[in-house]
Amino acid sequence: MRPPVRTAPRAAGLVAALLGLLLPLLALGTPAHAAPTGFRVENGRLLEASGNDFVMRGVNHAHTWYTDRISSLAHIKSKGANTVRVVLSSGDRWTRNDTADVANVVAQCKRNRLICVLEVHDTTGYGEQSGAVTLSRAADYWISVQSALAGQEDYVIVNIGNEPHGNIGYANWTADTKAAIQKLRAAGFDHTLMVDAPNWGQDWAFTMRDNAASVFAADPDANTVFSIHMYGVFDTAAEISDYLGRFVAAKLPIVVGEFGHDHSDGNPDEDTILAVTQQLGLGYLGWSWSGNGGGVEYLDMVTNFDPDRLTAWGRRLFNGANGIAATAEEAEIYSSGSGGDTTAPTAPGTPAASAVTSSSATLTWGAATDANGVTGYDVVRISGGEETVVTTATGTSATVTGLAPATSYTFAVYARDAAGNRSQRSATVTVTTSSGGTTGSCEVGYRVTGEWPGGFQGEVTVRNTGGSAVNGWTLRWTFPGDQRITHLWGGTPAQSGSEVSVTAASYTATIPASGSVTLGFTASRSGANPSPTAFSLNGATCSVA
């Protein structure tokens, strides 16, 4: 869904769409692959690890804009859904959903016996929508939160990026999608991946339809599902039946990842969408639970997130013919095997700090207990009410590195079990690093290049003053005020409270001896805009230019 409204396809595009119905879908044979862990695709069908055929019946939930409405997952389940597609942000256009938040979403999905489809929304309309980011950037986000997803292949499907091209440059969708899939596979993702169509998700130019076979073949795990969004382009039964039928005939997995009963770009035929997906055994996910704005409030399924106030659209989707209540079947993982374990471990003991230096500290805590065994721990840093996972451990101790000198940090620990359940958080410990930090071979220049009410643009130059190249780096600083980064180029930012860390992008990862790299960013602020006074590169203190 394009927030807050969707751009209608160009008239020429609609003509092309109608003519394109006559074009064949190019289907290529796919090689045999070892069965992935968790969900997998076979002969165009989405299967659970047990071999059970799984058909999604659920809705979308705009979590990234309503993080305080996590109880909506329980309400969605209570209406009969077996799946929820959760909106997340990489931090490029909206507030970033960090590793701790993603882990909590997954835990809540499992607690409510829902399959979790997670999507990055910042790619929406790339090439046409200002500020939208690439699928490669979305893949980088998934890699940055990978620890929250590892071991969750039975419960989580990764939808790489929402509507990743608008109506400009959409011919690049095929190459971009293949590259993003392969980037995630190379990083160790074994999950079923989902890819959205271009043209604001509606594929009116049939780029996804005509290239789906080659994209599927490009996945070394042969474990990719395609997602079409059906709004005004799909306003006749013939268009809906033809589009979905071609994927089924080619044995390529397809779901309707978003659709509504009405829209500003036309009136989709929701009755046919529901009937044909039921007839073909295909999944669907309606848009959306609640919280729509910008003139599309009619797409809310409940009023003001109240599960007892179903709208006409909500009544149709949940309780109507071929709707969720009548057709959804809960994932088998929740009623058999290890998937029946939905009990979280006990909270770990309060961590204690030792070996505190200017840039690191060792934390030790009491073990958590679990009926089926604790498999790991997440150590989180708490700042400004937010949590950031800083390291993971299989035992009851971990060393946290990359800290700034003479700075106070608050840490806590979560436990995880084999089923992926996460414990309550431990009590916290506060650690203050020593002031004798080792001075690194680096110099940082920071300057504000432009300001406006409520925001500003900044530039950070990192110079390598040493005699050998720096290959791979993380830069850290603390804002003195309430500045919050909204977008950064040259690296991948993460911010917890006032603490910022930036990990190098592929094209800035190497800083040659006597060389430098420059980062640019935009940020919000509500008051004064003082500059940071200390920076560290890979844990070593830099001089400030």
Protein backbone atom coordinates (compact mmCIF):
# COMPACT_ATOMS: atom_id res chain seq x y z
CA MET A 1 0.00 0.00 0.00
CA ARG A 2 1.32 3.41 -0.92
CA PRO A 3 0.97 5.68 2.12
CA PRO A 4 -1.27 7.55 2.26
CA VAL A 5 -2.74 7.29 -1.27
CA ARG A 6 -1.94 5.33 -4.41
CA THR A 7 -1.03 6.72 -7.84
CA ALA A 8 -3.31 5.47 -10.58
CA PRO A 9 -1.61 3.80 -13.58
CA ARG A 10 -1.23 5.89 -16.71
CA ALA A 11 -3.91 5.44 -19.36
CA ALA A 12 -1.35 3.96 -21.75
CA GLY A 13 -0.42 1.49 -19.06
CA LEU A 14 -4.02 0.34 -18.73
CA VAL A 15 -4.26 -0.22 -22.46
CA ALA A 16 -1.02 -2.18 -22.33
CA ALA A 17 -2.42 -4.17 -19.42
CA LEU A 18 -5.51 -5.20 -21.36
CA LEU A 19 -3.54 -6.06 -24.49
CA GLY A 20 -0.96 -7.86 -22.39
CA LEU A 21 -3.55 -10.37 -21.23
CA LEU A 22 -2.97 -12.06 -24.57
CA LEU A 23 0.76 -12.53 -23.96
CA PRO A 24 2.01 -15.90 -22.71
CA LEU A 25 3.69 -16.29 -19.35
CA LEU A 26 7.25 -17.46 -19.93
CA ALA A 27 7.68 -20.51 -17.75
CA LEU A 28 11.13 -22.01 -17.29
CA GLY A 29 11.95 -25.35 -15.75
CA THR A 30 13.48 -25.11 -12.29
CA PRO A 31 16.30 -27.32 -11.04
CA ALA A 32 16.01 -29.63 -8.06
CA HIS A 33 17.17 -28.20 -4.73
CA ALA A 34 17.54 -29.50 -1.22
CA ALA A 35 14.43 -28.81 0.86
CA PRO A 36 14.89 -25.59 2.85
CA THR A 37 14.32 -25.31 6.57
CA GLY A 38 10.75 -24.31 7.44
CA PHE A 39 8.43 -23.12 4.67
CA ARG A 40 9.34 -24.20 1.15
CA VAL A 41 7.96 -24.03 -2.37
CA GLU A 42 7.24 -27.18 -4.38
CA ASN A 43 5.43 -27.29 -7.74
CA GLY A 44 4.12 -23.78 -7.25
CA ARG A 45 2.70 -24.48 -3.79
CA LEU A 46 3.78 -23.07 -0.42
CA LEU A 47 4.40 -25.93 2.00
CA GLU A 48 5.25 -26.08 5.67
CA ALA A 49 8.28 -28.13 6.74
CA SER A 50 5.92 -31.05 7.40
CA GLY A 51 4.73 -30.99 3.78
CA ASN A 52 1.37 -29.49 4.76
CA ASP A 53 -0.02 -27.19 2.05
CA PHE A 54 -0.35 -23.73 3.59
CA VAL A 55 -2.78 -21.14 2.21
CA MET A 56 -2.52 -17.65 3.66
CA ARG A 57 -5.72 -16.11 4.92
CA GLY A 58 -5.07 -12.85 6.69
CA VAL A 59 -4.63 -9.11 6.72
CA ASN A 60 -2.01 -6.38 6.72
CA HIS A 61 -1.16 -4.47 9.90
CA ALA A 62 0.60 -1.07 9.75
CA HIS A 63 2.90 -1.77 12.69
CA THR A 64 5.65 0.72 11.86
CA TRP A 65 3.24 3.66 12.21
CA TYR A 66 1.38 2.15 15.17
CA THR A 67 3.94 0.31 17.27
CA ASP A 68 1.72 0.82 20.33
CA ARG A 69 -0.99 -1.33 18.71
CA ILE A 70 0.82 -4.68 18.95
CA SER A 71 -2.31 -6.10 20.60
CA SER A 72 -3.88 -5.93 17.14
CA LEU A 73 -2.21 -9.26 16.34
CA ALA A 74 -4.32 -10.99 18.98
CA HIS A 75 -7.44 -9.28 17.62
CA ILE A 76 -6.61 -10.31 14.05
CA LYS A 77 -6.20 -13.90 15.20
CA SER A 78 -9.51 -13.77 17.05
CA LYS A 79 -11.26 -13.01 13.75
CA GLY A 80 -9.93 -16.26 12.28
CA ALA A 81 -6.81 -15.20 10.36
CA ASN A 82 -3.87 -17.57 10.04
CA THR A 83 -1.41 -14.96 8.71
CA VAL A 84 -0.57 -11.31 9.27
CA ARG A 85 1.59 -9.16 7.00
CA VAL A 86 3.40 -6.66 9.20
CA VAL A 87 4.63 -3.29 7.91
CA LEU A 88 8.20 -2.46 9.00
CA SER A 89 10.57 0.40 8.17
CA SER A 90 14.28 0.31 7.42
CA GLY A 91 14.56 3.83 8.86
CA ASP A 92 14.95 5.52 5.49
CA ARG A 93 11.46 7.03 5.34
CA TRP A 94 9.99 6.29 8.75
CA THR A 95 11.26 5.35 12.21
CA ARG A 96 13.39 2.21 11.95
CA ASN A 97 12.06 -0.99 13.48
CA ASP A 98 15.16 -2.30 15.22
CA THR A 99 16.17 -5.88 15.95
CA ALA A 100 14.47 -5.94 19.33
CA ASP A 101 11.19 -4.71 17.86
CA VAL A 102 11.32 -7.24 15.01
CA ALA A 103 11.99 -10.03 17.53
CA ASN A 104 9.00 -8.88 19.57
CA VAL A 105 6.73 -8.85 16.51
CA VAL A 106 7.78 -12.40 15.68
CA ALA A 107 7.21 -13.49 19.29
CA GLN A 108 3.74 -11.91 19.28
CA CYS A 109 2.86 -13.61 15.99
CA LYS A 110 3.87 -16.95 17.47
CA ARG A 111 2.09 -16.30 20.73
CA ASN A 112 -1.07 -15.71 18.70
CA ARG A 113 -0.43 -18.70 16.39
CA LEU A 114 -0.08 -16.54 13.28
CA ILE A 115 2.35 -16.90 10.41
CA CYS A 116 4.30 -13.66 10.17
CA VAL A 117 4.94 -12.05 6.76
CA LEU A 118 7.35 -9.17 7.41
CA GLU A 119 7.80 -6.44 4.82
CA VAL A 120 9.94 -3.30 4.43
CA HIS A 121 7.75 -0.40 3.31
CA ASP A 122 10.46 2.14 2.46
CA THR A 123 10.82 0.73 -1.08
CA THR A 124 7.26 1.75 -1.99
CA GLY A 125 7.17 3.37 -5.45
CA TYR A 126 10.95 3.55 -5.95
CA GLY A 127 11.82 5.61 -9.02
CA GLU A 128 8.64 7.66 -8.73
CA GLN A 129 8.11 8.27 -5.02
CA SER A 130 10.51 10.76 -3.47
CA GLY A 131 12.60 9.18 -0.71
CA ALA A 132 11.84 5.57 -1.67
CA VAL A 133 14.82 3.21 -1.46
CA THR A 134 16.06 0.27 -3.48
CA LEU A 135 15.50 -3.43 -2.92
CA SER A 136 19.22 -3.71 -2.26
CA ARG A 137 18.82 -1.24 0.60
CA ALA A 138 15.87 -3.28 1.92
CA ALA A 139 18.05 -6.41 1.80
CA ASP A 140 20.66 -4.57 3.87
CA TYR A 141 17.98 -3.88 6.48
CA TRP A 142 17.02 -7.56 6.67
CA ILE A 143 20.66 -8.47 7.15
CA SER A 144 20.94 -5.91 9.96
CA VAL A 145 18.06 -7.56 11.90
CA GLN A 146 18.95 -11.12 10.94
CA SER A 147 19.51 -12.22 14.53
CA ALA A 148 15.79 -11.68 15.23
CA LEU A 149 14.86 -13.96 12.32
CA ALA A 150 17.41 -16.77 12.53
CA GLY A 151 15.69 -20.04 13.43
CA GLN A 152 12.23 -18.64 12.63
CA GLU A 153 11.88 -20.20 9.16
CA ASP A 154 8.82 -22.19 10.28
CA TYR A 155 6.99 -19.02 11.31
CA VAL A 156 8.32 -16.09 9.24
CA ILE A 157 8.22 -15.22 5.54
CA VAL A 158 10.42 -12.30 4.49
CA ASN A 159 8.67 -9.96 2.03
CA ILE A 160 11.79 -8.14 0.79
CA GLY A 161 10.24 -4.77 -0.09
CA ASN A 162 6.76 -3.32 -0.56
CA GLU A 163 5.79 -2.28 -4.13
CA PRO A 164 9.45 -1.78 -5.03
CA HIS A 165 8.93 0.24 -8.22
CA GLY A 166 6.37 2.84 -9.20
CA ASN A 167 5.41 3.59 -12.80
CA ILE A 168 8.90 4.84 -13.71
CA GLY A 169 11.91 2.57 -14.17
CA TYR A 170 9.91 -0.56 -13.47
CA ALA A 171 11.75 -2.48 -16.21
CA ASN A 172 14.59 -2.76 -13.69
CA TRP A 173 12.39 -4.82 -11.37
CA THR A 174 13.62 -8.18 -12.66
CA ALA A 175 17.34 -7.55 -12.20
CA ASP A 176 16.81 -5.71 -8.90
CA THR A 177 14.68 -8.52 -7.48
CA LYS A 178 17.11 -11.26 -8.51
CA ALA A 179 20.00 -9.35 -6.94
CA ALA A 180 18.12 -8.80 -3.66
CA ILE A 181 17.17 -12.48 -3.41
CA GLN A 182 20.74 -13.57 -4.00
CA LYS A 183 22.08 -11.00 -1.52
CA LEU A 184 19.88 -12.46 1.22
CA ARG A 185 20.76 -16.04 0.33
CA ALA A 186 24.45 -15.18 0.41
CA ALA A 187 23.94 -13.69 3.87
CA GLY A 188 22.51 -16.99 5.14
CA PHE A 189 18.75 -16.38 4.95
CA ASP A 190 16.95 -19.74 4.62
CA HIS A 191 13.46 -18.27 4.86
CA THR A 192 10.83 -18.34 2.16
CA LEU A 193 11.13 -14.96 0.44
CA MET A 194 8.22 -12.97 -0.97
CA VAL A 195 8.62 -10.40 -3.76
CA ASP A 196 6.11 -7.70 -4.66
CA ALA A 197 5.27 -6.61 -8.20
CA PRO A 198 6.28 -3.21 -9.64
CA ASN A 199 3.81 -0.53 -10.82
CA TRP A 200 2.84 0.20 -7.21
CA GLY A 201 2.40 -3.54 -6.75
CA GLN A 202 -0.21 -3.93 -9.51
CA ASP A 203 2.03 -5.07 -12.40
CA TRP A 204 -0.13 -3.43 -15.08
CA ALA A 205 2.84 -3.69 -17.51
CA PHE A 206 3.19 -7.42 -16.64
CA THR A 207 6.88 -7.15 -15.76
CA MET A 208 6.53 -9.60 -12.87
CA ARG A 209 4.13 -11.87 -14.71
CA ASP A 210 6.40 -12.27 -17.72
CA ASN A 211 9.66 -12.57 -15.75
CA ALA A 212 8.54 -14.54 -12.72
CA ALA A 213 10.00 -17.82 -13.96
CA SER A 214 13.48 -16.37 -14.40
CA VAL A 215 13.32 -14.67 -11.00
CA PHE A 216 12.29 -17.93 -9.36
CA ALA A 217 15.12 -19.74 -11.11
CA ALA A 218 17.59 -17.14 -9.81
CA ASP A 219 16.85 -18.14 -6.19
CA PRO A 220 19.43 -20.80 -5.27
CA ASP A 221 16.94 -22.19 -2.73
CA ALA A 222 14.00 -22.20 -5.19
CA ASN A 223 11.97 -20.75 -2.34
CA THR A 224 10.42 -17.47 -3.54
CA VAL A 225 6.73 -16.53 -3.59
CA PHE A 226 5.32 -13.75 -5.79
CA SER A 227 2.86 -11.15 -4.48
CA ILE A 228 0.42 -9.14 -6.58
CA HIS A 229 -1.49 -6.17 -5.11
CA MET A 230 -5.00 -5.90 -6.53
CA TYR A 231 -6.60 -2.48 -6.54
CA GLY A 232 -8.06 -0.48 -9.45
CA VAL A 233 -6.17 -2.34 -12.18
CA PHE A 234 -8.03 -5.52 -11.21
CA ASP A 235 -11.61 -4.37 -11.62
CA THR A 236 -12.92 -7.22 -13.79
CA ALA A 237 -13.24 -10.94 -13.23
CA ALA A 238 -11.37 -11.67 -16.47
CA GLU A 239 -8.28 -9.73 -15.41
CA ILE A 240 -8.15 -11.38 -11.99
CA SER A 241 -8.72 -14.91 -13.26
CA ASP A 242 -6.24 -14.56 -16.11
CA TYR A 243 -3.45 -13.10 -13.99
CA LEU A 244 -3.66 -15.64 -11.19
CA GLY A 245 -4.39 -18.53 -13.53
CA ARG A 246 -1.21 -17.97 -15.52
CA PHE A 247 0.93 -18.35 -12.39
CA VAL A 248 -0.89 -21.52 -11.38
CA ALA A 249 -0.52 -23.01 -14.87
CA ALA A 250 3.21 -22.25 -14.81
CA LYS A 251 3.56 -23.77 -11.31
CA LEU A 252 4.84 -20.48 -9.90
CA PRO A 253 3.69 -19.55 -6.37
CA ILE A 254 1.50 -16.44 -6.17
CA VAL A 255 -0.47 -14.71 -3.41
CA VAL A 256 -2.60 -11.58 -3.37
CA GLY A 257 -0.50 -9.65 -0.88
CA GLU A 258 -2.82 -6.64 -0.73
CA PHE A 259 -6.30 -5.82 -1.98
CA GLY A 260 -9.32 -3.79 -0.99
CA HIS A 261 -12.99 -3.41 -1.77
CA ASP A 262 -12.56 0.07 -3.23
CA HIS A 263 -9.76 2.46 -4.12
CA SER A 264 -8.97 5.90 -5.45
CA ASP A 265 -7.58 4.40 -8.69
CA GLY A 266 -10.66 2.30 -9.42
CA ASN A 267 -13.02 -0.25 -7.94
CA PRO A 268 -11.36 -3.67 -7.52
CA ASP A 269 -13.57 -6.74 -7.86
CA GLU A 270 -13.09 -8.11 -4.37
CA ASP A 271 -15.75 -10.79 -4.78
CA THR A 272 -13.85 -12.34 -7.68
CA ILE A 273 -10.52 -12.00 -5.85
CA LEU A 274 -11.94 -13.98 -2.94
CA ALA A 275 -13.70 -16.54 -5.13
CA VAL A 276 -10.77 -17.21 -7.48
CA THR A 277 -8.17 -17.47 -4.74
CA GLN A 278 -10.41 -19.98 -2.97
CA GLN A 279 -10.96 -21.93 -6.18
CA LEU A 280 -7.22 -22.05 -6.96
CA GLY A 281 -6.10 -22.54 -3.37
CA LEU A 282 -4.12 -19.28 -3.29
CA GLY A 283 -3.40 -17.04 -0.34
CA TYR A 284 -4.68 -13.52 0.19
CA LEU A 285 -3.96 -10.71 2.66
CA GLY A 286 -6.41 -7.81 2.78
CA TRP A 287 -5.36 -4.20 3.33
CA SER A 288 -5.59 -3.31 6.20
CA TRP A 289 -6.59 -3.76 9.84
CA SER A 290 -6.85 -0.09 10.86
CA GLY A 291 -5.10 3.29 10.79
CA ASN A 292 -5.46 4.27 7.13
CA GLY A 293 -5.36 7.97 6.26
CA GLY A 294 -4.97 10.33 3.34
CA GLY A 295 -8.46 9.72 1.99
CA VAL A 296 -8.40 5.90 2.03
CA GLU A 297 -9.82 5.47 5.50
CA TYR A 298 -12.49 3.25 3.93
CA LEU A 299 -9.84 0.50 3.77
CA ASP A 300 -9.91 0.13 7.57
CA MET A 301 -11.35 -3.23 8.60
CA VAL A 302 -12.09 -2.04 12.13
CA THR A 303 -12.69 1.47 13.41
CA ASN A 304 -9.87 2.96 15.52
CA PHE A 305 -8.28 -0.47 16.10
CA ASP A 306 -11.39 -1.63 17.99
CA PRO A 307 -11.98 -5.33 17.13
CA ASP A 308 -15.63 -4.99 18.10
CA ARG A 309 -16.28 -2.29 15.47
CA LEU A 310 -15.95 -4.06 12.13
CA THR A 311 -16.45 -1.84 9.09
CA ALA A 312 -18.33 -2.96 5.98
CA TRP A 313 -14.98 -3.97 4.46
CA GLY A 314 -14.04 -5.86 7.60
CA ARG A 315 -17.34 -7.72 7.66
CA ARG A 316 -16.94 -8.65 4.00
CA LEU A 317 -13.39 -9.93 4.36
CA PHE A 318 -13.73 -11.76 7.64
CA ASN A 319 -17.28 -13.04 7.55
CA GLY A 320 -18.40 -12.99 3.91
CA ALA A 321 -18.38 -15.67 1.22
CA ASN A 322 -14.87 -17.13 0.72
CA GLY A 323 -13.73 -14.91 3.58
CA ILE A 324 -11.24 -15.54 6.34
CA ALA A 325 -13.57 -17.09 8.92
CA ALA A 326 -14.91 -19.62 6.42
CA THR A 327 -11.66 -20.62 4.72
CA ALA A 328 -8.63 -20.07 6.99
CA GLU A 329 -6.77 -23.08 8.40
CA GLU A 330 -4.20 -22.57 11.15
CA ALA A 331 -0.59 -23.44 10.30
CA GLU A 332 0.16 -27.03 11.22
CA ILE A 333 3.35 -25.98 13.02
CA TYR A 334 1.18 -24.68 15.86
CA SER A 335 -0.53 -28.01 16.47
CA SER A 336 2.24 -30.54 15.90
CA GLY A 337 5.91 -31.11 16.61
CA SER A 338 8.11 -28.47 18.20
CA GLY A 339 5.77 -25.79 16.90
CA GLY A 340 3.42 -26.60 19.76
CA ASP A 341 5.83 -24.93 22.17
CA THR A 342 4.56 -21.39 22.72
CA THR A 343 5.79 -21.04 26.32
CA ALA A 344 8.64 -18.56 26.70
CA PRO A 345 11.69 -19.19 28.91
CA THR A 346 11.94 -17.52 32.29
CA ALA A 347 13.71 -14.17 32.42
CA PRO A 348 17.51 -14.34 32.79
CA GLY A 349 19.13 -13.11 36.00
CA THR A 350 20.23 -9.51 36.41
CA PRO A 351 23.45 -9.00 34.41
CA ALA A 352 26.64 -7.98 36.20
CA ALA A 353 29.43 -6.02 34.51
CA SER A 354 33.17 -6.74 34.67
CA ALA A 355 36.33 -5.94 32.68
CA VAL A 356 34.97 -2.51 31.82
CA THR A 357 37.31 -0.50 29.55
CA SER A 358 36.93 2.69 27.58
CA SER A 359 35.31 0.78 24.70
CA SER A 360 33.99 -2.55 26.03
CA ALA A 361 32.41 -4.39 28.95
CA THR A 362 31.78 -8.03 29.82
CA LEU A 363 28.29 -8.93 31.07
CA THR A 364 27.38 -12.09 33.00
CA TRP A 365 23.88 -13.19 34.05
CA GLY A 366 22.01 -16.06 35.64
CA ALA A 367 20.67 -18.70 33.27
CA ALA A 368 17.04 -18.74 32.19
CA THR A 369 15.05 -21.99 32.29
CA ASP A 370 12.76 -23.54 29.70
CA ALA A 371 10.99 -26.90 29.41
CA ASN A 372 12.58 -27.56 26.03
CA GLY A 373 15.89 -25.81 26.59
CA VAL A 374 17.26 -22.27 26.19
CA THR A 375 19.12 -21.87 22.89
CA GLY A 376 20.45 -18.32 23.18
CA TYR A 377 20.39 -14.86 24.71
CA ASP A 378 19.96 -11.37 23.24
CA VAL A 379 21.84 -8.55 24.97
CA VAL A 380 20.11 -5.21 24.44
CA ARG A 381 21.15 -1.62 25.06
CA ILE A 382 18.38 0.61 26.44
CA SER A 383 18.37 4.32 25.67
CA GLY A 384 15.49 6.76 25.66
CA GLY A 385 12.98 3.98 26.13
CA GLU A 386 14.23 2.11 23.04
CA GLU A 387 16.08 -1.19 22.81
CA THR A 388 18.84 -2.20 20.42
CA VAL A 389 20.30 -5.71 20.26
CA VAL A 390 24.07 -5.28 20.60
CA THR A 391 25.16 -8.93 20.70
CA THR A 392 23.87 -12.47 21.10
CA ALA A 393 25.29 -15.40 23.06
CA THR A 394 24.65 -19.10 23.56
CA GLY A 395 26.04 -19.03 27.11
CA THR A 396 25.49 -16.72 30.07
CA SER A 397 28.13 -14.10 29.31
CA ALA A 398 29.01 -11.76 26.46
CA THR A 399 31.42 -8.91 25.76
CA VAL A 400 29.95 -5.72 24.34
CA THR A 401 32.38 -3.72 22.20
CA GLY A 402 32.43 -0.46 20.27
CA LEU A 403 31.46 1.71 23.26
CA ALA A 404 32.46 5.36 23.63
CA PRO A 405 34.81 6.44 26.45
CA ALA A 406 33.42 8.02 29.63
CA THR A 407 29.84 7.14 28.69
CA SER A 408 27.05 5.44 30.64
CA TYR A 409 25.16 2.54 29.04
CA THR A 410 22.22 0.50 30.28
CA PHE A 411 21.97 -3.18 29.28
CA ALA A 412 19.53 -6.06 29.78
CA VAL A 413 19.15 -9.63 28.50
CA TYR A 414 16.43 -11.77 26.89
CA ALA A 415 16.44 -15.57 26.58
CA ARG A 416 15.25 -17.55 23.53
CA ASP A 417 14.22 -21.21 23.26
CA ALA A 418 14.33 -23.70 20.39
CA ALA A 419 10.85 -22.72 19.21
CA GLY A 420 11.86 -19.07 19.03
CA ASN A 421 9.89 -17.95 22.08
CA ARG A 422 11.46 -14.95 23.82
CA SER A 423 11.48 -14.39 27.58
CA GLN A 424 10.60 -11.31 29.53
CA ARG A 425 13.49 -8.88 29.83
CA SER A 426 15.93 -9.23 32.70
CA ALA A 427 16.56 -6.45 35.16
CA THR A 428 19.01 -3.84 33.89
CA VAL A 429 22.62 -2.96 34.68
CA THR A 430 24.25 0.42 34.04
CA VAL A 431 27.89 0.51 32.97
CA THR A 432 30.12 3.60 32.68
CA THR A 433 33.15 3.19 30.46
CA SER A 434 36.53 4.58 31.53
CA SER A 435 37.89 7.80 30.06
CA GLY A 436 41.25 6.46 28.92
CA GLY A 437 40.18 5.40 25.48
CA THR A 438 42.80 4.45 22.95
CA THR A 439 43.15 7.15 20.34
CA GLY A 440 42.61 5.66 16.92
CA SER A 441 44.16 6.59 13.61
CA CYS A 442 41.13 8.57 12.58
CA GLU A 443 39.79 12.11 12.45
CA VAL A 444 36.14 13.08 12.10
CA GLY A 445 34.73 16.32 10.78
CA TYR A 446 31.09 17.12 11.49
CA ARG A 447 29.15 20.04 10.06
CA VAL A 448 25.56 21.16 9.56
CA THR A 449 25.00 22.00 5.89
CA GLY A 450 21.43 23.26 6.17
CA GLU A 451 18.71 23.86 8.74
CA TRP A 452 14.97 24.40 8.78
CA PRO A 453 12.29 24.41 11.50
CA GLY A 454 12.19 20.90 12.93
CA GLY A 455 15.06 19.49 10.88
CA PHE A 456 18.49 19.83 9.35
CA GLN A 457 21.02 18.28 6.99
CA GLY A 458 24.47 17.22 8.15
CA GLU A 459 27.74 15.90 6.83
CA VAL A 460 30.32 13.65 8.52
CA THR A 461 33.79 13.16 7.03
CA VAL A 462 35.88 10.26 8.37
CA ARG A 463 39.62 10.51 7.66
CA ASN A 464 42.06 7.64 8.01
CA THR A 465 45.18 9.16 9.56
CA GLY A 466 46.96 5.82 9.83
CA GLY A 467 49.42 4.12 7.54
CA SER A 468 47.20 1.25 6.38
CA ALA A 469 43.70 1.00 4.92
CA VAL A 470 40.61 0.54 7.07
CA ASN A 471 38.52 -2.29 5.63
CA GLY A 472 35.06 -2.28 7.14
CA TRP A 473 34.05 0.11 9.88
CA THR A 474 31.39 1.25 12.33
CA LEU A 475 31.29 4.89 13.38
CA ARG A 476 29.59 5.88 16.64
CA TRP A 477 28.60 9.18 18.21
CA THR A 478 26.07 10.61 20.64
CA PHE A 479 23.88 13.60 19.81
CA PRO A 480 23.83 16.21 22.60
CA GLY A 481 20.20 17.11 21.84
CA ASP A 482 17.08 15.33 20.61
CA GLN A 483 18.29 14.95 17.02
CA ARG A 484 17.00 11.86 15.19
CA ILE A 485 18.41 10.69 11.86
CA THR A 486 15.69 10.24 9.23
CA HIS A 487 17.86 9.32 6.24
CA LEU A 488 21.58 8.69 5.71
CA TRP A 489 23.66 7.98 2.64
CA GLY A 490 27.10 6.37 2.66
CA GLY A 491 26.26 3.85 5.38
CA THR A 492 23.55 2.07 7.34
CA PRO A 493 22.44 4.00 10.43
CA ALA A 494 20.98 2.72 13.69
CA GLN A 495 19.89 5.02 16.48
CA SER A 496 18.85 4.21 20.03
CA GLY A 497 17.91 7.34 21.93
CA SER A 498 20.71 9.82 21.31
CA GLU A 499 23.29 7.13 20.43
CA VAL A 500 24.05 6.67 16.74
CA SER A 501 26.03 3.98 14.98
CA VAL A 502 26.70 3.89 11.24
CA THR A 503 27.98 0.77 9.48
CA ALA A 504 29.81 1.26 6.19
CA ALA A 505 28.04 0.78 2.89
CA SER A 506 29.75 -1.47 0.33
CA TYR A 507 31.10 1.56 -1.54
CA THR A 508 32.47 3.30 1.60
CA ALA A 509 33.77 0.23 3.46
CA THR A 510 37.42 0.82 2.55
CA ILE A 511 39.16 3.99 3.71
CA PRO A 512 42.68 4.06 2.26
CA ALA A 513 45.64 5.36 4.25
CA SER A 514 45.41 9.17 4.32
CA GLY A 515 42.04 8.90 2.58
CA SER A 516 38.53 9.76 3.71
CA VAL A 517 34.85 8.99 3.18
CA THR A 518 31.95 11.40 3.57
CA LEU A 519 28.49 10.59 4.91
CA GLY A 520 25.44 12.78 4.49
CA PHE A 521 22.21 12.68 6.41
CA THR A 522 18.98 14.44 7.21
CA ALA A 523 17.59 14.54 10.75
CA SER A 524 14.75 15.90 12.83
CA ARG A 525 15.05 18.11 15.91
CA SER A 526 12.69 20.03 18.13
CA GLY A 527 15.02 22.59 19.68
CA ALA A 528 18.68 23.55 19.60
CA ASN A 529 21.06 21.69 17.31
CA PRO A 530 24.40 21.24 19.14
CA SER A 531 27.09 19.19 17.41
CA PRO A 532 28.45 15.88 18.76
CA THR A 533 31.81 16.24 20.50
CA ALA A 534 33.15 12.66 20.39
CA PHE A 535 33.35 9.95 17.74
CA SER A 536 34.74 6.41 17.73
CA LEU A 537 35.67 4.26 14.74
CA ASN A 538 35.65 0.50 15.35
CA GLY A 539 35.78 1.22 19.09
CA ALA A 540 38.77 3.59 18.98
CA THR A 541 38.37 7.29 19.79
CA CYS A 542 38.86 9.65 16.84
CA SER A 543 40.16 13.19 17.00
CA VAL A 544 37.61 15.83 16.03
CA ALA A 545 38.47 18.26 13.25
